[in-house]
């Protein structure tokens, strides 16, 4: 009875999370040319790679640590969370700055001149790279403190806001792809900071 919320709340949360992850490419495809959508897709894949590889292992370690503490000792859980966030911040700062400053050149050098715009998009997206990197492992804390309703509300907010930002703004304000990605990047930074808080 105590854990009945997991299938009822976590399942839609995971669905909304998956939708939100794919939303930029889906909405870009409906608004911009196929070439621009492909460039954005490549930028998102490159950015997601370190978050997926390093973030997953950190997430497993953090979950094991936080689960052993449990919701009974929120002060210790808060200290452990702050510790892991500060370490992840230091680890992510240099790659994010390199991507921000040299993204366009790096993509051109490694992938070829055809992917220069993808590097430009990656530079813009690097704004939220740090916040996503440090937040992705600590999301498992919602399981530990049994705040799955709040986690579902977070994902509903993200999905609705993303739909408005990525679909409504470019359609009705006729923004460039770069401006739309910048708005998306700022929104995602704010979203991940909100999760952390």
C-alpha atoms as a PDB file:
ATOM      1  CA  UNK A   1       0.000   0.000   0.000  1.00  0.00           C
ATOM      2  CA  UNK A   2       2.832   2.416   0.869  1.00  0.00           C
ATOM      3  CA  UNK A   3       4.546   2.000  -2.517  1.00  0.00           C
ATOM      4  CA  UNK A   4       1.385   2.035  -4.658  1.00  0.00           C
ATOM      5  CA  UNK A   5       2.322   5.521  -5.886  1.00  0.00           C
ATOM      6  CA  UNK A   6       5.363   4.218  -7.767  1.00  0.00           C
ATOM      7  CA  UNK A   7       3.569   2.597 -10.729  1.00  0.00           C
ATOM      8  CA  UNK A   8       0.802   5.223 -10.808  1.00  0.00           C
ATOM      9  CA  UNK A   9       3.061   8.267 -10.554  1.00  0.00           C
ATOM     10  CA  UNK A  10       6.467   7.152 -11.838  1.00  0.00           C
ATOM     11  CA  UNK A  11       5.154   5.629 -15.074  1.00  0.00           C
ATOM     12  CA  UNK A  12       3.553   8.860 -16.359  1.00  0.00           C
ATOM     13  CA  UNK A  13       6.579  10.788 -15.061  1.00  0.00           C
ATOM     14  CA  UNK A  14       8.935   8.610 -17.100  1.00  0.00           C
ATOM     15  CA  UNK A  15       6.693   8.950 -20.158  1.00  0.00           C
ATOM     16  CA  UNK A  16       6.678  12.759 -19.837  1.00  0.00           C
ATOM     17  CA  UNK A  17      10.438  12.738 -19.268  1.00  0.00           C
ATOM     18  CA  UNK A  18      10.953  10.728 -22.475  1.00  0.00           C
ATOM     19  CA  UNK A  19       8.611  13.063 -24.359  1.00  0.00           C
ATOM     20  CA  UNK A  20      10.451  16.150 -23.057  1.00  0.00           C
ATOM     21  CA  UNK A  21      13.794  14.686 -24.100  1.00  0.00           C
ATOM     22  CA  UNK A  22      12.587  14.146 -27.672  1.00  0.00           C
ATOM     23  CA  UNK A  23      10.454  17.314 -27.843  1.00  0.00           C
ATOM     24  CA  UNK A  24      13.121  19.668 -29.257  1.00  0.00           C
ATOM     25  CA  UNK A  25      13.726  17.512 -32.313  1.00  0.00           C
ATOM     26  CA  UNK A  26      10.010  16.796 -32.826  1.00  0.00           C
ATOM     27  CA  UNK A  27       8.983  20.438 -32.662  1.00  0.00           C
ATOM     28  CA  UNK A  28      11.935  21.639 -34.706  1.00  0.00           C
ATOM     29  CA  UNK A  29      10.991  19.183 -37.429  1.00  0.00           C
ATOM     30  CA  UNK A  30       7.524  20.730 -37.627  1.00  0.00           C
ATOM     31  CA  UNK A  31       8.817  24.324 -37.708  1.00  0.00           C
ATOM     32  CA  UNK A  32      12.242  24.426 -39.365  1.00  0.00           C
ATOM     33  CA  UNK A  33      13.935  22.747 -42.316  1.00  0.00           C
ATOM     34  CA  UNK A  34      15.133  19.146 -42.118  1.00  0.00           C
ATOM     35  CA  UNK A  35      18.767  20.285 -42.261  1.00  0.00           C
ATOM     36  CA  UNK A  36      18.363  22.515 -39.175  1.00  0.00           C
ATOM     37  CA  UNK A  37      16.563  19.708 -37.326  1.00  0.00           C
ATOM     38  CA  UNK A  38      19.417  17.327 -38.161  1.00  0.00           C
ATOM     39  CA  UNK A  39      21.981  19.839 -36.904  1.00  0.00           C
ATOM     40  CA  UNK A  40      20.063  20.225 -33.623  1.00  0.00           C
ATOM     41  CA  UNK A  41      19.713  16.464 -33.285  1.00  0.00           C
ATOM     42  CA  UNK A  42      23.478  15.988 -33.603  1.00  0.00           C
ATOM     43  CA  UNK A  43      24.143  18.731 -31.020  1.00  0.00           C
ATOM     44  CA  UNK A  44      21.731  17.104 -28.551  1.00  0.00           C
ATOM     45  CA  UNK A  45      23.301  13.655 -29.049  1.00  0.00           C
ATOM     46  CA  UNK A  46      26.820  14.980 -28.421  1.00  0.00           C
ATOM     47  CA  UNK A  47      25.721  16.876 -25.305  1.00  0.00           C
ATOM     48  CA  UNK A  48      23.727  13.920 -23.958  1.00  0.00           C
ATOM     49  CA  UNK A  49      26.655  11.499 -24.258  1.00  0.00           C
ATOM     50  CA  UNK A  50      28.694  12.561 -21.181  1.00  0.00           C
ATOM     51  CA  UNK A  51      25.508  13.113 -19.173  1.00  0.00           C
ATOM     52  CA  UNK A  52      24.338   9.594 -19.982  1.00  0.00           C
ATOM     53  CA  UNK A  53      27.662   7.858 -19.347  1.00  0.00           C
ATOM     54  CA  UNK A  54      28.953   9.732 -16.295  1.00  0.00           C
ATOM     55  CA  UNK A  55      25.553  10.786 -14.974  1.00  0.00           C
ATOM     56  CA  UNK A  56      24.236   7.214 -14.908  1.00  0.00           C
ATOM     57  CA  UNK A  57      27.136   5.879 -12.854  1.00  0.00           C
ATOM     58  CA  UNK A  58      26.945   8.874 -10.488  1.00  0.00           C
ATOM     59  CA  UNK A  59      23.188   8.384 -10.228  1.00  0.00           C
ATOM     60  CA  UNK A  60      23.625   4.738  -9.190  1.00  0.00           C
ATOM     61  CA  UNK A  61      26.229   5.672  -6.572  1.00  0.00           C
ATOM     62  CA  UNK A  62      24.123   8.544  -5.233  1.00  0.00           C
ATOM     63  CA  UNK A  63      20.977   6.398  -5.090  1.00  0.00           C
ATOM     64  CA  UNK A  64      22.784   3.685  -3.117  1.00  0.00           C
ATOM     65  CA  UNK A  65      24.128   6.285  -0.679  1.00  0.00           C
ATOM     66  CA  UNK A  66      20.847   8.196  -0.324  1.00  0.00           C
ATOM     67  CA  UNK A  67      18.784   5.003   0.019  1.00  0.00           C
ATOM     68  CA  UNK A  68      21.004   3.855   2.895  1.00  0.00           C
ATOM     69  CA  UNK A  69      20.388   7.211   4.614  1.00  0.00           C
ATOM     70  CA  UNK A  70      16.688   7.249   3.771  1.00  0.00           C
ATOM     71  CA  UNK A  71      14.114   9.936   4.438  1.00  0.00           C
ATOM     72  CA  UNK A  72      14.635   9.511   8.191  1.00  0.00           C
ATOM     73  CA  UNK A  73      17.740  11.688   8.193  1.00  0.00           C
ATOM     74  CA  UNK A  74      17.030  14.659   5.862  1.00  0.00           C
ATOM     75  CA  UNK A  75      19.966  16.685   7.208  1.00  0.00           C
ATOM     76  CA  UNK A  76      22.500  14.008   6.252  1.00  0.00           C
ATOM     77  CA  UNK A  77      20.767  13.446   2.911  1.00  0.00           C
ATOM     78  CA  UNK A  78      20.996  17.181   2.204  1.00  0.00           C
ATOM     79  CA  UNK A  79      24.731  17.189   3.011  1.00  0.00           C
ATOM     80  CA  UNK A  80      25.390  14.188   0.756  1.00  0.00           C
ATOM     81  CA  UNK A  81      23.382  15.842  -2.029  1.00  0.00           C
ATOM     82  CA  UNK A  82      25.271  19.135  -1.719  1.00  0.00           C
ATOM     83  CA  UNK A  83      28.571  17.246  -1.731  1.00  0.00           C
ATOM     84  CA  UNK A  84      27.809  15.340  -4.937  1.00  0.00           C
ATOM     85  CA  UNK A  85      26.435  18.477  -6.620  1.00  0.00           C
ATOM     86  CA  UNK A  86      29.582  20.469  -5.825  1.00  0.00           C
ATOM     87  CA  UNK A  87      31.793  17.673  -7.207  1.00  0.00           C
ATOM     88  CA  UNK A  88      29.703  17.359 -10.365  1.00  0.00           C
ATOM     89  CA  UNK A  89      29.777  21.137 -10.818  1.00  0.00           C
ATOM     90  CA  UNK A  90      33.590  21.149 -10.794  1.00  0.00           C
ATOM     91  CA  UNK A  91      33.739  18.185 -13.212  1.00  0.00           C
ATOM     92  CA  UNK A  92      31.264  19.771 -15.662  1.00  0.00           C
ATOM     93  CA  UNK A  93      32.539  23.351 -15.625  1.00  0.00           C
ATOM     94  CA  UNK A  94      35.536  22.936 -17.969  1.00  0.00           C
ATOM     95  CA  UNK A  95      33.777  20.838 -20.667  1.00  0.00           C
ATOM     96  CA  UNK A  96      30.805  23.227 -20.655  1.00  0.00           C
ATOM     97  CA  UNK A  97      33.060  26.275 -21.039  1.00  0.00           C
ATOM     98  CA  UNK A  98      35.056  24.581 -23.829  1.00  0.00           C
ATOM     99  CA  UNK A  99      31.805  23.758 -25.629  1.00  0.00           C
ATOM    100  CA  UNK A 100      30.477  27.285 -25.106  1.00  0.00           C
ATOM    101  CA  UNK A 101      33.599  28.961 -26.501  1.00  0.00           C
ATOM    102  CA  UNK A 102      34.866  26.441 -29.064  1.00  0.00           C
ATOM    103  CA  UNK A 103      31.752  24.382 -29.923  1.00  0.00           C
ATOM    104  CA  UNK A 104      31.513  25.514 -33.518  1.00  0.00           C
ATOM    105  CA  UNK A 105      35.220  24.940 -34.191  1.00  0.00           C
ATOM    106  CA  UNK A 106      35.266  21.554 -32.435  1.00  0.00           C
ATOM    107  CA  UNK A 107      32.305  20.231 -34.419  1.00  0.00           C
ATOM    108  CA  UNK A 108      33.865  21.472 -37.675  1.00  0.00           C
ATOM    109  CA  UNK A 109      37.202  19.870 -36.803  1.00  0.00           C
ATOM    110  CA  UNK A 110      35.857  16.502 -35.615  1.00  0.00           C
ATOM    111  CA  UNK A 111      32.717  16.040 -37.726  1.00  0.00           C
ATOM    112  CA  UNK A 112      33.506  18.230 -40.727  1.00  0.00           C
ATOM    113  CA  UNK A 113      32.394  21.624 -42.055  1.00  0.00           C
ATOM    114  CA  UNK A 114      28.859  20.356 -42.688  1.00  0.00           C
ATOM    115  CA  UNK A 115      28.294  20.163 -38.918  1.00  0.00           C
ATOM    116  CA  UNK A 116      29.413  23.695 -38.109  1.00  0.00           C
ATOM    117  CA  UNK A 117      25.872  24.830 -37.328  1.00  0.00           C
ATOM    118  CA  UNK A 118      25.488  21.851 -35.026  1.00  0.00           C
ATOM    119  CA  UNK A 119      28.513  23.130 -33.108  1.00  0.00           C
ATOM    120  CA  UNK A 120      26.876  26.546 -32.900  1.00  0.00           C
ATOM    121  CA  UNK A 121      23.731  24.921 -31.467  1.00  0.00           C
ATOM    122  CA  UNK A 122      25.867  22.921 -29.011  1.00  0.00           C
ATOM    123  CA  UNK A 123      27.502  26.161 -27.841  1.00  0.00           C
ATOM    124  CA  UNK A 124      24.077  27.623 -27.093  1.00  0.00           C
ATOM    125  CA  UNK A 125      22.930  24.398 -25.407  1.00  0.00           C
ATOM    126  CA  UNK A 126      26.060  24.308 -23.223  1.00  0.00           C
ATOM    127  CA  UNK A 127      24.349  26.964 -21.093  1.00  0.00           C
ATOM    128  CA  UNK A 128      22.190  24.284 -19.494  1.00  0.00           C
ATOM    129  CA  UNK A 129      24.784  21.487 -19.671  1.00  0.00           C
ATOM    130  CA  UNK A 130      26.112  22.143 -16.156  1.00  0.00           C
ATOM    131  CA  UNK A 131      22.674  22.318 -14.537  1.00  0.00           C
ATOM    132  CA  UNK A 132      21.525  19.123 -16.263  1.00  0.00           C
ATOM    133  CA  UNK A 133      24.757  17.302 -15.463  1.00  0.00           C
ATOM    134  CA  UNK A 134      24.623  18.082 -11.729  1.00  0.00           C
ATOM    135  CA  UNK A 135      20.884  17.481 -11.418  1.00  0.00           C
ATOM    136  CA  UNK A 136      20.445  14.218 -13.326  1.00  0.00           C
ATOM    137  CA  UNK A 137      21.933  11.977 -10.590  1.00  0.00           C
ATOM    138  CA  UNK A 138      20.088  13.636  -7.698  1.00  0.00           C
ATOM    139  CA  UNK A 139      16.655  13.193  -9.283  1.00  0.00           C
ATOM    140  CA  UNK A 140      16.657   9.742  -7.664  1.00  0.00           C
ATOM    141  CA  UNK A 141      16.224  11.544  -4.317  1.00  0.00           C
ATOM    142  CA  UNK A 142      12.525  11.887  -5.165  1.00  0.00           C
ATOM    143  CA  UNK A 143      12.286   8.085  -4.865  1.00  0.00           C
ATOM    144  CA  UNK A 144      14.078   8.070  -1.534  1.00  0.00           C
ATOM    145  CA  UNK A 145      11.989  10.815   0.061  1.00  0.00           C
ATOM    146  CA  UNK A 146       8.852   9.453  -1.647  1.00  0.00           C
ATOM    147  CA  UNK A 147       7.950  12.677  -3.444  1.00  0.00           C
ATOM    148  CA  UNK A 148       6.711  11.058  -6.633  1.00  0.00           C
ATOM    149  CA  UNK A 149       3.688  13.375  -6.884  1.00  0.00           C
ATOM    150  CA  UNK A 150       6.022  16.379  -6.955  1.00  0.00           C
ATOM    151  CA  UNK A 151       8.231  14.651  -9.527  1.00  0.00           C
ATOM    152  CA  UNK A 152       5.164  14.079 -11.735  1.00  0.00           C
ATOM    153  CA  UNK A 153       4.180  17.752 -11.392  1.00  0.00           C
ATOM    154  CA  UNK A 154       7.719  18.772 -12.382  1.00  0.00           C
ATOM    155  CA  UNK A 155       7.512  16.643 -15.514  1.00  0.00           C
ATOM    156  CA  UNK A 156       4.042  17.936 -16.410  1.00  0.00           C
ATOM    157  CA  UNK A 157       5.327  21.510 -16.046  1.00  0.00           C
ATOM    158  CA  UNK A 158       8.358  20.721 -18.191  1.00  0.00           C
ATOM    159  CA  UNK A 159       6.319  19.036 -20.934  1.00  0.00           C
ATOM    160  CA  UNK A 160       3.712  21.824 -21.100  1.00  0.00           C
ATOM    161  CA  UNK A 161       6.307  24.619 -20.974  1.00  0.00           C
ATOM    162  CA  UNK A 162       8.459  22.899 -23.613  1.00  0.00           C
ATOM    163  CA  UNK A 163       5.453  22.546 -25.877  1.00  0.00           C
ATOM    164  CA  UNK A 164       4.772  26.271 -25.570  1.00  0.00           C
ATOM    165  CA  UNK A 165       8.412  27.309 -25.920  1.00  0.00           C
ATOM    166  CA  UNK A 166       9.391  25.020 -28.777  1.00  0.00           C
ATOM    167  CA  UNK A 167       6.139  25.037 -30.704  1.00  0.00           C
ATOM    168  CA  UNK A 168       4.259  28.272 -30.009  1.00  0.00           C
ATOM    169  CA  UNK A 169       7.154  30.762 -29.872  1.00  0.00           C
ATOM    170  CA  UNK A 170       8.785  29.892 -33.230  1.00  0.00           C
ATOM    171  CA  UNK A 171       5.422  29.495 -34.967  1.00  0.00           C
ATOM    172  CA  UNK A 172       3.854  32.751 -33.821  1.00  0.00           C
ATOM    173  CA  UNK A 173       6.876  34.989 -33.206  1.00  0.00           C
ATOM    174  CA  UNK A 174       8.820  33.826 -36.253  1.00  0.00           C
ATOM    175  CA  UNK A 175      12.067  33.413 -34.298  1.00  0.00           C
ATOM    176  CA  UNK A 176      15.272  32.041 -35.774  1.00  0.00           C
ATOM    177  CA  UNK A 177      16.433  28.541 -34.850  1.00  0.00           C
ATOM    178  CA  UNK A 178      19.282  30.018 -32.757  1.00  0.00           C
ATOM    179  CA  UNK A 179      16.896  32.223 -30.765  1.00  0.00           C
ATOM    180  CA  UNK A 180      14.544  29.317 -30.130  1.00  0.00           C
ATOM    181  CA  UNK A 181      17.444  27.142 -28.932  1.00  0.00           C
ATOM    182  CA  UNK A 182      18.669  29.970 -26.679  1.00  0.00           C
ATOM    183  CA  UNK A 183      15.199  30.314 -25.109  1.00  0.00           C
ATOM    184  CA  UNK A 184      15.068  26.526 -24.702  1.00  0.00           C
ATOM    185  CA  UNK A 185      18.527  26.477 -23.115  1.00  0.00           C
ATOM    186  CA  UNK A 186      17.628  29.231 -20.622  1.00  0.00           C
ATOM    187  CA  UNK A 187      14.364  27.488 -19.764  1.00  0.00           C
ATOM    188  CA  UNK A 188      16.112  24.164 -19.196  1.00  0.00           C
ATOM    189  CA  UNK A 189      18.715  25.816 -16.960  1.00  0.00           C
ATOM    190  CA  UNK A 190      15.936  27.344 -14.848  1.00  0.00           C
ATOM    191  CA  UNK A 191      14.111  23.998 -14.772  1.00  0.00           C
ATOM    192  CA  UNK A 192      17.138  22.057 -13.506  1.00  0.00           C
ATOM    193  CA  UNK A 193      17.947  24.742 -10.928  1.00  0.00           C
ATOM    194  CA  UNK A 194      14.345  24.428  -9.726  1.00  0.00           C
ATOM    195  CA  UNK A 195      14.766  20.644  -9.398  1.00  0.00           C
ATOM    196  CA  UNK A 196      17.927  21.156  -7.372  1.00  0.00           C
ATOM    197  CA  UNK A 197      16.269  23.682  -5.052  1.00  0.00           C
END
